[in-house]
Amino acid sequence: MWIKTVNYFKRNVAIHIHQAIYRWGIAYAVIMIVLGVIPAEAVHIMAKDMPLRTLVQTIARTEKLSVVGLDTLEGKVTLEVQENSGQEAITKLGSQLGFLVYEEGGTFIVEGRHEEKERRHVRRIVADIGTPEELSNLVQSVVPKEHVQVMPSTNEVIYYGTVHEILEVEKLLRSWHATPKQVQLDVAVLAMEKGYAKELGIQWSFPGLQSSGLSMHGKSESGMEGNVHIGHIPKGTSYSFLAHPEVSAKEGSSRMALIARPSIVALNGEEASILIGERVPVTVESIQNGVTRTSIRYEEAGIRLRCKPYVLQGNHIDTIVEAEVSNPTLVPEMKAYRITTRQAKTRVRIPDGETLVIGGLMDRRTMRQWQKVPILGDIPLIGKLFQHSRKTKDEVELYILVTAKVIQ
C-alpha cells in the first residue's frame, strides 16, 4: 500500500504525549519546513507482501524517475520506509534488501543479481534506421534481456552493460547502420493446360427464319444448297428458312499460357509477398445472446507467393519460398464459396541471377454439356441426329518461376 503525505510528522500509531510538547513539535516542524530543513512533501511507503520489482517500479513512476534493471529484482517484501524523495527511498531499499543502486547520466541502475564484479554503464541508442524493437533485438544478442529497455515515446533503446558488451554492441551497430543489400524478385506464373475434349453429334442452327416469297439460300462446302421449304402461304410461296447442321467428332488439345509476371524488391532478411487474385466474400454466422447473426468476411483467393531472402557471401541467396494457389468455387446449395488450396513450401540456396522453378500445383476440372433440338431430339432412333454432347476434362498445372538478383 502506498501513502504519500504532506505532513512529515503524520503517523499511523497512537503516541501518548503531553499537550504542550505536542504543540511545540508542530510549531517546530512548521519552522523547519519554512527554513527548508525538512521537505514539505515526503514519501511514506507501507508495503505488505509486495513484489520488490513492483515496489521499485511504482516509486519510479510516481517520482518520474528513469530506472533500468527492474527485471533483476526478485522476491516479495513487507516493510515501511519514509524518506524525503523517491531517489532516497530506492537507495534505502537497496541498502536494506541487498541490491545495487547507482546513477549514471540521469538514469538509475538497479541490480538484484550482482554476482558480476564488473560495473555496468548506461547507453542510449536512437533507432534512426529501423524500429526500436528491431534495435532492441540486436542489442539483446549481446546484452541480457533484463538489461535492455525500449522507449517507444522517444524512439530509443536504453541498455546498461559491461565495457566488453558495449564494445560488442557498437560493433554490431556499425554493420547495422550500413546500407542493407536488397534482392529483386522477378516472378513468372505459367499455366499448362492439359485438356481432353470430346464432341459427338450434330449441332443444328437456324440463322434466318422468314415467311416471304424471297427465300434465303445457304451454301455448304460441297456446294449443295441448305434451304428448307415448308408449306405454302396463300399467294403460293413457301415458308423458307436456312438450316445449318454441323457434325462434330473431335478430341482436344493442350496449351501453355503466361498468367502474370510481377516483380518486387525486398530488403535482406525481410519477407516479400505477392498476391495475384481477388477477395471472395464468405458468409460467417455467429450466435450472440441466442441470436444468430450473419456477416460477410472477405478471403483472399488466387496465387500467392512469399519469399524471405538472405544474401550470403559470394552473392548467393538463401531464401524461404512459399507458394499457394487457391481456387474459389460457388456452391449454389450453400450460397457460398468453397475455396480449394494447394501449397508448396521450401528453402533453397541459389546463385545470384539464377531461376527457381516450382511446379506440381495441379487443378482438375470435369464439365459436361448436352444440347438437343426440341421435339426432334426426343424421337427414338433418329433423335440422335438432333442431339449434341460435349465432355471436357481439364488438368491445369501451374509453374512458378522465381529469379532472384542482388541489388548492390
Protein backbone atom coordinates (compact mmCIF):
# COMPACT_ATOMS: atom_id res chain seq x y z
CA MET A 1 0.00 0.00 0.00
CA TRP A 2 1.27 3.47 -0.94
CA ILE A 3 0.72 6.67 1.09
CA LYS A 4 2.20 9.99 0.01
CA THR A 5 1.76 12.55 2.84
CA VAL A 6 2.25 16.31 3.00
CA ASN A 7 2.63 16.42 6.76
CA TYR A 8 6.03 14.98 7.52
CA PHE A 9 5.08 14.20 11.13
CA LYS A 10 1.85 12.32 10.39
CA ARG A 11 1.88 8.81 11.94
CA ASN A 12 -0.45 5.81 11.96
CA VAL A 13 0.33 4.87 15.56
CA ALA A 14 -1.03 6.40 18.72
CA ILE A 15 1.55 8.33 20.72
CA HIS A 16 0.69 9.50 24.22
CA ILE A 17 2.43 12.83 24.61
CA HIS A 18 1.94 15.89 26.72
CA GLN A 19 -0.28 18.52 25.08
CA ALA A 20 2.28 21.31 25.31
CA ILE A 21 5.09 19.20 23.92
CA TYR A 22 2.88 18.10 21.00
CA ARG A 23 2.04 21.72 20.15
CA TRP A 24 5.71 22.67 20.35
CA GLY A 25 6.61 19.83 17.99
CA ILE A 26 4.08 21.01 15.39
CA ALA A 27 5.40 24.55 15.59
CA TYR A 28 8.98 23.30 15.25
CA ALA A 29 8.05 21.30 12.15
CA VAL A 30 6.43 24.32 10.51
CA ILE A 31 9.57 26.41 11.21
CA MET A 32 11.83 23.71 9.73
CA ILE A 33 9.67 23.44 6.61
CA VAL A 34 9.76 27.22 6.11
CA LEU A 35 13.54 27.24 6.53
CA GLY A 36 13.86 24.31 4.06
CA VAL A 37 15.44 21.95 6.57
CA ILE A 38 12.59 19.41 6.26
CA PRO A 39 10.90 18.96 2.85
CA ALA A 40 7.21 19.81 2.73
CA GLU A 41 6.47 16.67 0.68
CA ALA A 42 7.89 13.35 1.90
CA VAL A 43 7.49 9.77 0.67
CA HIS A 44 5.86 7.32 3.05
CA ILE A 45 5.92 3.67 1.99
CA MET A 46 3.96 0.85 3.61
CA ALA A 47 4.23 -2.45 1.74
CA LYS A 48 2.91 -5.86 2.74
CA ASP A 49 3.88 -8.97 0.76
CA MET A 50 4.55 -6.84 -2.35
CA PRO A 51 6.91 -7.93 -5.17
CA LEU A 52 10.13 -5.94 -4.89
CA ARG A 53 10.13 -5.26 -8.65
CA THR A 54 6.62 -3.74 -8.45
CA LEU A 55 7.56 -1.65 -5.42
CA VAL A 56 10.60 -0.04 -7.07
CA GLN A 57 8.72 0.42 -10.35
CA THR A 58 5.88 2.22 -8.55
CA ILE A 59 8.31 4.58 -6.82
CA ALA A 60 9.98 5.35 -10.16
CA ARG A 61 6.67 6.09 -11.88
CA THR A 62 5.35 8.21 -9.04
CA GLU A 63 8.54 10.28 -8.79
CA LYS A 64 9.06 10.27 -12.61
CA LEU A 65 12.46 8.58 -12.38
CA SER A 66 14.21 6.67 -15.18
CA VAL A 67 15.14 3.26 -13.76
CA VAL A 68 16.53 0.23 -15.62
CA GLY A 69 17.29 -3.27 -14.40
CA LEU A 70 13.93 -3.92 -12.74
CA ASP A 71 13.84 -7.48 -14.10
CA THR A 72 16.81 -8.36 -11.88
CA LEU A 73 14.78 -7.71 -8.70
CA GLU A 74 13.19 -10.81 -7.16
CA GLY A 75 11.14 -11.74 -4.10
CA LYS A 76 8.43 -10.07 -2.03
CA VAL A 77 8.85 -7.61 0.84
CA THR A 78 6.91 -6.31 3.85
CA LEU A 79 8.27 -3.03 5.22
CA GLU A 80 7.69 0.64 5.97
CA VAL A 81 10.00 3.35 4.65
CA GLN A 82 9.74 7.12 4.93
CA GLU A 83 12.22 9.28 3.06
CA ASN A 84 12.47 12.81 1.69
CA SER A 85 12.36 11.74 -2.00
CA GLY A 86 11.91 8.76 -4.30
CA GLN A 87 15.65 8.63 -5.00
CA GLU A 88 16.44 8.28 -1.30
CA ALA A 89 13.67 5.70 -0.91
CA ILE A 90 15.09 3.47 -3.68
CA THR A 91 18.62 3.88 -2.30
CA LYS A 92 17.46 2.91 1.20
CA LEU A 93 15.59 -0.10 -0.16
CA GLY A 94 18.79 -1.20 -1.89
CA SER A 95 20.83 -0.92 1.28
CA GLN A 96 18.22 -2.80 3.33
CA LEU A 97 17.41 -5.56 0.83
CA GLY A 98 20.85 -6.05 -0.69
CA PHE A 99 20.61 -4.87 -4.31
CA LEU A 100 22.87 -2.34 -6.01
CA VAL A 101 21.63 1.16 -6.82
CA TYR A 102 23.70 3.75 -8.67
CA GLU A 103 23.06 6.66 -11.02
CA GLU A 104 24.64 7.34 -14.39
CA GLY A 105 23.60 10.07 -16.81
CA GLY A 106 20.32 10.79 -15.01
CA THR A 107 19.28 7.12 -15.10
CA PHE A 108 19.15 4.90 -12.02
CA ILE A 109 20.51 1.38 -12.37
CA VAL A 110 19.35 -1.40 -10.04
CA GLU A 111 20.94 -4.84 -9.94
CA GLY A 112 19.37 -7.54 -7.86
CA ARG A 113 21.68 -10.30 -9.08
CA HIS A 114 25.05 -8.63 -8.86
CA GLU A 115 27.44 -11.59 -8.88
CA GLU A 116 29.40 -9.78 -11.57
CA LYS A 117 32.27 -7.76 -10.24
CA GLU A 118 32.46 -5.51 -13.30
CA ARG A 119 30.29 -2.44 -13.15
CA ARG A 120 27.78 -1.73 -15.89
CA HIS A 121 27.30 1.55 -17.76
CA VAL A 122 24.18 3.10 -19.28
CA ARG A 123 23.95 3.70 -23.03
CA ARG A 124 21.15 5.26 -25.08
CA ILE A 125 20.69 4.43 -28.79
CA VAL A 126 18.33 6.22 -31.16
CA ALA A 127 16.67 3.95 -33.73
CA ASP A 128 17.30 6.10 -36.80
CA ILE A 129 17.10 3.30 -39.41
CA GLY A 130 14.87 0.51 -38.12
CA THR A 131 12.28 0.27 -35.38
CA PRO A 132 13.12 0.34 -31.63
CA GLU A 133 12.02 -3.31 -31.40
CA GLU A 134 14.50 -4.33 -34.12
CA LEU A 135 17.25 -2.37 -32.39
CA SER A 136 16.35 -3.98 -29.06
CA ASN A 137 16.63 -7.47 -30.58
CA LEU A 138 20.06 -6.53 -31.93
CA VAL A 139 21.26 -5.34 -28.51
CA GLN A 140 19.81 -8.41 -26.78
CA SER A 141 22.05 -10.63 -28.89
CA VAL A 142 24.90 -9.34 -26.68
CA VAL A 143 23.32 -7.87 -23.54
CA PRO A 144 20.92 -9.87 -21.32
CA LYS A 145 17.25 -9.06 -21.88
CA GLU A 146 16.70 -7.71 -18.37
CA HIS A 147 19.33 -5.03 -19.02
CA VAL A 148 17.59 -3.67 -22.13
CA GLN A 149 14.62 -1.31 -22.15
CA VAL A 150 12.68 0.06 -25.13
CA MET A 151 11.42 3.66 -25.04
CA PRO A 152 8.79 3.92 -27.84
CA SER A 153 7.92 7.54 -26.98
CA THR A 154 11.45 8.74 -27.80
CA ASN A 155 12.30 6.03 -30.37
CA GLU A 156 15.22 4.94 -28.17
CA VAL A 157 16.68 1.83 -26.60
CA ILE A 158 18.37 2.09 -23.19
CA TYR A 159 20.72 -0.64 -22.08
CA TYR A 160 23.39 -0.98 -19.45
CA GLY A 161 26.26 -3.34 -19.97
CA THR A 162 29.86 -4.04 -19.19
CA VAL A 163 32.70 -2.46 -21.17
CA HIS A 164 33.06 -5.65 -23.25
CA GLU A 165 29.33 -5.77 -24.01
CA ILE A 166 29.28 -2.10 -25.01
CA LEU A 167 32.14 -2.65 -27.47
CA GLU A 168 30.33 -5.65 -29.00
CA VAL A 169 27.10 -3.67 -29.36
CA GLU A 170 28.93 -0.77 -31.04
CA LYS A 171 30.49 -3.22 -33.49
CA LEU A 172 27.06 -4.59 -34.36
CA LEU A 173 25.67 -1.07 -34.73
CA ARG A 174 28.30 -0.18 -37.32
CA SER A 175 27.21 -3.06 -39.52
CA TRP A 176 23.54 -2.37 -38.77
CA HIS A 177 23.86 1.26 -39.92
CA ALA A 178 25.49 0.15 -43.17
CA THR A 179 23.23 0.26 -46.23
CA PRO A 180 21.48 -3.13 -46.35
CA LYS A 181 21.52 -5.19 -49.52
CA GLN A 182 18.33 -5.67 -51.48
CA VAL A 183 17.04 -8.54 -53.56
CA GLN A 184 14.90 -8.15 -56.66
CA LEU A 185 12.47 -11.00 -57.26
CA ASP A 186 11.17 -11.44 -60.80
CA VAL A 187 8.26 -13.88 -60.85
CA ALA A 188 6.58 -15.55 -63.82
CA VAL A 189 3.44 -17.66 -63.35
CA LEU A 190 2.72 -20.14 -66.18
CA ALA A 191 -0.32 -22.38 -66.58
CA MET A 192 -0.01 -25.61 -68.56
CA GLU A 193 -3.49 -26.78 -69.58
CA LYS A 194 -3.69 -30.47 -70.41
CA GLY A 195 -7.22 -30.66 -71.72
CA TYR A 196 -9.22 -33.58 -73.12
CA ALA A 197 -12.35 -32.63 -75.04
CA LYS A 198 -14.72 -34.95 -76.84
CA GLU A 199 -17.56 -33.73 -79.06
CA LEU A 200 -20.03 -36.02 -80.75
CA GLY A 201 -23.31 -35.43 -82.58
CA ILE A 202 -24.99 -32.96 -84.91
CA GLN A 203 -25.44 -29.37 -83.83
CA TRP A 204 -28.31 -27.57 -85.65
CA SER A 205 -28.62 -23.81 -86.10
CA PHE A 206 -31.24 -21.77 -87.97
CA PRO A 207 -29.77 -18.36 -88.80
CA GLY A 208 -32.80 -16.93 -90.71
CA LEU A 209 -36.45 -17.79 -90.28
CA GLN A 210 -38.84 -15.91 -92.63
CA SER A 211 -42.17 -16.27 -94.47
CA SER A 212 -41.78 -14.28 -97.64
CA GLY A 213 -41.51 -15.09 -101.28
CA LEU A 214 -37.80 -14.27 -101.14
CA SER A 215 -36.22 -17.35 -99.61
CA MET A 216 -32.68 -17.46 -98.12
CA HIS A 217 -30.25 -19.93 -99.56
CA GLY A 218 -27.01 -21.15 -97.96
CA LYS A 219 -24.08 -22.99 -99.45
CA SER A 220 -22.26 -25.92 -97.91
CA GLU A 221 -18.64 -26.81 -98.66
CA SER A 222 -19.90 -29.37 -101.15
CA GLY A 223 -21.88 -26.70 -102.99
CA MET A 224 -25.27 -28.13 -102.07
CA GLU A 225 -27.95 -25.68 -101.06
CA GLY A 226 -29.19 -25.82 -97.50
CA ASN A 227 -32.55 -24.02 -97.91
CA VAL A 228 -35.58 -25.85 -96.49
CA HIS A 229 -39.18 -25.13 -97.76
CA ILE A 230 -42.15 -25.99 -95.56
CA GLY A 231 -45.78 -25.37 -96.58
CA HIS A 232 -47.31 -22.55 -98.67
CA ILE A 233 -48.80 -19.21 -97.94
CA PRO A 234 -51.97 -18.02 -99.71
CA LYS A 235 -50.01 -16.43 -102.55
CA GLY A 236 -48.39 -19.73 -103.33
CA THR A 237 -44.89 -19.00 -101.96
CA SER A 238 -43.36 -21.24 -99.37
CA TYR A 239 -42.17 -20.68 -95.80
CA SER A 240 -38.45 -20.70 -96.02
CA PHE A 241 -35.56 -20.80 -93.51
CA LEU A 242 -31.85 -21.64 -93.54
CA ALA A 243 -30.79 -24.81 -91.73
CA HIS A 244 -27.13 -25.25 -90.79
CA PRO A 245 -26.27 -28.71 -89.39
CA GLU A 246 -22.71 -29.19 -88.06
CA VAL A 247 -21.37 -32.65 -87.47
CA SER A 248 -18.86 -32.79 -84.56
CA ALA A 249 -16.49 -35.63 -83.80
CA LYS A 250 -13.19 -34.40 -82.37
CA GLU A 251 -10.87 -34.59 -79.38
CA GLY A 252 -9.00 -31.70 -77.82
CA SER A 253 -5.62 -30.16 -77.09
CA SER A 254 -3.08 -28.69 -74.65
CA ARG A 255 -1.60 -25.23 -74.36
CA MET A 256 0.54 -23.04 -72.06
CA ALA A 257 -0.34 -19.51 -71.02
CA LEU A 258 1.51 -16.79 -69.08
CA ILE A 259 -0.80 -15.67 -66.25
CA ALA A 260 1.25 -12.95 -64.57
CA ARG A 261 4.77 -11.56 -64.38
CA PRO A 262 5.16 -9.39 -61.25
CA SER A 263 8.43 -8.03 -59.86
CA ILE A 264 9.21 -6.93 -56.30
CA VAL A 265 12.23 -5.75 -54.28
CA ALA A 266 12.85 -6.88 -50.69
CA LEU A 267 15.42 -5.93 -48.07
CA ASN A 268 17.89 -8.55 -46.95
CA GLY A 269 16.13 -10.73 -44.38
CA GLU A 270 12.69 -9.17 -44.92
CA GLU A 271 9.67 -11.05 -46.25
CA ALA A 272 8.13 -10.10 -49.60
CA SER A 273 4.63 -11.15 -50.61
CA ILE A 274 2.84 -11.18 -53.97
CA LEU A 275 -0.89 -11.87 -54.45
CA ILE A 276 -2.44 -12.38 -57.88
CA GLY A 277 -6.14 -12.93 -57.40
CA GLU A 278 -9.21 -11.49 -55.73
CA ARG A 279 -11.02 -11.18 -52.43
CA VAL A 280 -14.01 -13.52 -52.24
CA PRO A 281 -16.98 -12.79 -49.93
CA VAL A 282 -17.54 -15.57 -47.38
CA THR A 283 -20.64 -15.78 -45.18
CA VAL A 284 -19.90 -16.11 -41.46
CA GLU A 285 -22.58 -16.95 -38.88
CA SER A 286 -22.19 -16.17 -35.19
CA ILE A 287 -24.50 -16.57 -32.19
CA GLN A 288 -24.71 -13.73 -29.67
CA ASN A 289 -27.19 -13.85 -26.78
CA GLY A 290 -29.12 -16.61 -28.54
CA VAL A 291 -29.47 -14.57 -31.76
CA THR A 292 -27.87 -15.79 -34.97
CA ARG A 293 -26.09 -13.05 -36.86
CA THR A 294 -24.74 -13.27 -40.37
CA SER A 295 -21.80 -11.22 -41.57
CA ILE A 296 -19.53 -11.12 -44.61
CA ARG A 297 -15.81 -11.75 -44.43
CA TYR A 298 -13.54 -11.42 -47.43
CA GLU A 299 -10.99 -14.17 -48.07
CA GLU A 300 -8.07 -13.78 -50.45
CA ALA A 301 -8.04 -16.31 -53.29
CA GLY A 302 -5.69 -16.70 -56.21
CA ILE A 303 -1.93 -17.16 -56.49
CA ARG A 304 0.17 -16.06 -53.51
CA LEU A 305 3.94 -16.14 -53.25
CA ARG A 306 6.01 -15.38 -50.14
CA CYS A 307 9.80 -15.09 -50.17
CA LYS A 308 12.27 -14.22 -47.42
CA PRO A 309 15.74 -13.81 -48.99
CA TYR A 310 19.08 -13.70 -47.19
CA VAL A 311 22.18 -12.54 -49.06
CA LEU A 312 25.24 -14.69 -48.26
CA GLN A 313 28.89 -14.39 -49.19
CA GLY A 314 29.55 -14.52 -52.89
CA ASN A 315 26.08 -13.04 -53.51
CA HIS A 316 24.45 -16.42 -53.04
CA ILE A 317 20.84 -16.12 -51.94
CA ASP A 318 19.32 -18.32 -49.25
CA THR A 319 15.56 -17.95 -49.37
CA ILE A 320 12.40 -19.47 -47.96
CA VAL A 321 9.76 -19.74 -50.70
CA GLU A 322 6.09 -20.47 -50.06
CA ALA A 323 3.66 -20.74 -52.98
CA GLU A 324 -0.09 -21.09 -52.60
CA VAL A 325 -2.82 -21.45 -55.23
CA SER A 326 -6.45 -21.17 -54.10
CA ASN A 327 -9.46 -21.52 -56.40
CA PRO A 328 -12.91 -20.28 -55.27
CA THR A 329 -15.96 -22.26 -56.46
CA LEU A 330 -19.53 -21.13 -55.87
CA VAL A 331 -21.71 -23.79 -54.22
CA PRO A 332 -25.34 -22.96 -55.13
CA GLU A 333 -26.83 -25.16 -52.40
CA MET A 334 -24.85 -23.33 -49.69
CA LYS A 335 -24.93 -19.94 -51.42
CA ALA A 336 -21.28 -19.62 -50.52
CA TYR A 337 -17.83 -20.20 -51.98
CA ARG A 338 -15.71 -23.28 -51.46
CA ILE A 339 -12.00 -22.50 -51.68
CA THR A 340 -9.63 -25.22 -52.82
CA THR A 341 -5.99 -24.61 -51.87
CA ARG A 342 -2.69 -26.11 -52.99
CA GLN A 343 0.54 -25.17 -51.24
CA ALA A 344 4.26 -25.70 -51.66
CA LYS A 345 6.97 -24.52 -49.24
CA THR A 346 10.73 -24.96 -49.49
CA ARG A 347 14.08 -23.44 -48.59
CA VAL A 348 16.73 -23.22 -51.28
CA ARG A 349 20.11 -21.62 -51.93
CA ILE A 350 20.63 -20.24 -55.43
CA PRO A 351 23.37 -18.13 -57.08
CA ASP A 352 22.70 -14.52 -57.99
CA GLY A 353 20.56 -14.29 -61.13
CA GLU A 354 19.55 -17.95 -61.20
CA THR A 355 15.92 -19.07 -61.55
CA LEU A 356 13.98 -21.31 -59.18
CA VAL A 357 11.10 -23.35 -60.68
CA ILE A 358 8.17 -24.51 -58.53
CA GLY A 359 5.73 -26.96 -60.17
CA GLY A 360 3.24 -29.64 -59.31
CA LEU A 361 0.36 -27.34 -58.31
CA MET A 362 -2.49 -29.17 -60.05
CA ASP A 363 -6.14 -28.37 -60.69
CA ARG A 364 -8.54 -30.87 -62.28
CA ARG A 365 -11.97 -29.99 -63.66
CA THR A 366 -14.63 -32.06 -65.45
CA MET A 367 -17.54 -30.48 -67.37
CA ARG A 368 -20.42 -31.99 -69.37
CA GLN A 369 -22.71 -30.19 -71.84
CA TRP A 370 -25.70 -31.59 -73.74
CA GLN A 371 -27.94 -29.90 -76.30
CA LYS A 372 -30.87 -31.02 -78.48
CA VAL A 373 -33.48 -29.68 -80.88
CA PRO A 374 -36.87 -29.58 -79.09
CA ILE A 375 -39.25 -32.42 -80.02
CA LEU A 376 -36.96 -33.73 -82.76
CA GLY A 377 -34.28 -34.66 -80.31
CA ASP A 378 -36.75 -36.86 -78.38
CA ILE A 379 -37.74 -39.07 -81.34
CA PRO A 380 -36.50 -42.64 -80.83
CA LEU A 381 -33.62 -43.79 -83.01
CA ILE A 382 -33.43 -40.73 -85.27
CA GLY A 383 -33.38 -38.34 -82.26
CA LYS A 384 -29.59 -38.76 -82.07
CA LEU A 385 -29.38 -36.75 -85.28
CA PHE A 386 -30.71 -33.72 -83.43
CA GLN A 387 -28.52 -34.00 -80.31
CA HIS A 388 -25.06 -32.67 -79.44
CA SER A 389 -22.90 -33.53 -76.42
CA ARG A 390 -19.59 -32.17 -75.13
CA LYS A 391 -17.42 -33.58 -72.37
CA THR A 392 -14.24 -31.86 -71.17
CA LYS A 393 -11.60 -32.85 -68.66
CA ASP A 394 -9.15 -30.08 -67.85
CA GLU A 395 -5.95 -30.55 -65.89
CA VAL A 396 -4.11 -27.34 -65.16
CA GLU A 397 -0.57 -27.40 -63.75
CA LEU A 398 0.93 -24.16 -62.51
CA TYR A 399 4.64 -23.38 -62.79
CA ILE A 400 6.09 -20.51 -60.75
CA LEU A 401 9.49 -19.21 -61.86
CA VAL A 402 11.37 -17.01 -59.39
CA THR A 403 14.55 -15.21 -60.47
CA ALA A 404 16.49 -13.57 -57.62
CA LYS A 405 19.01 -10.78 -58.24
CA VAL A 406 21.13 -8.95 -55.66
CA ILE A 407 20.92 -5.14 -55.92
CA GLN A 408 24.13 -3.52 -54.71
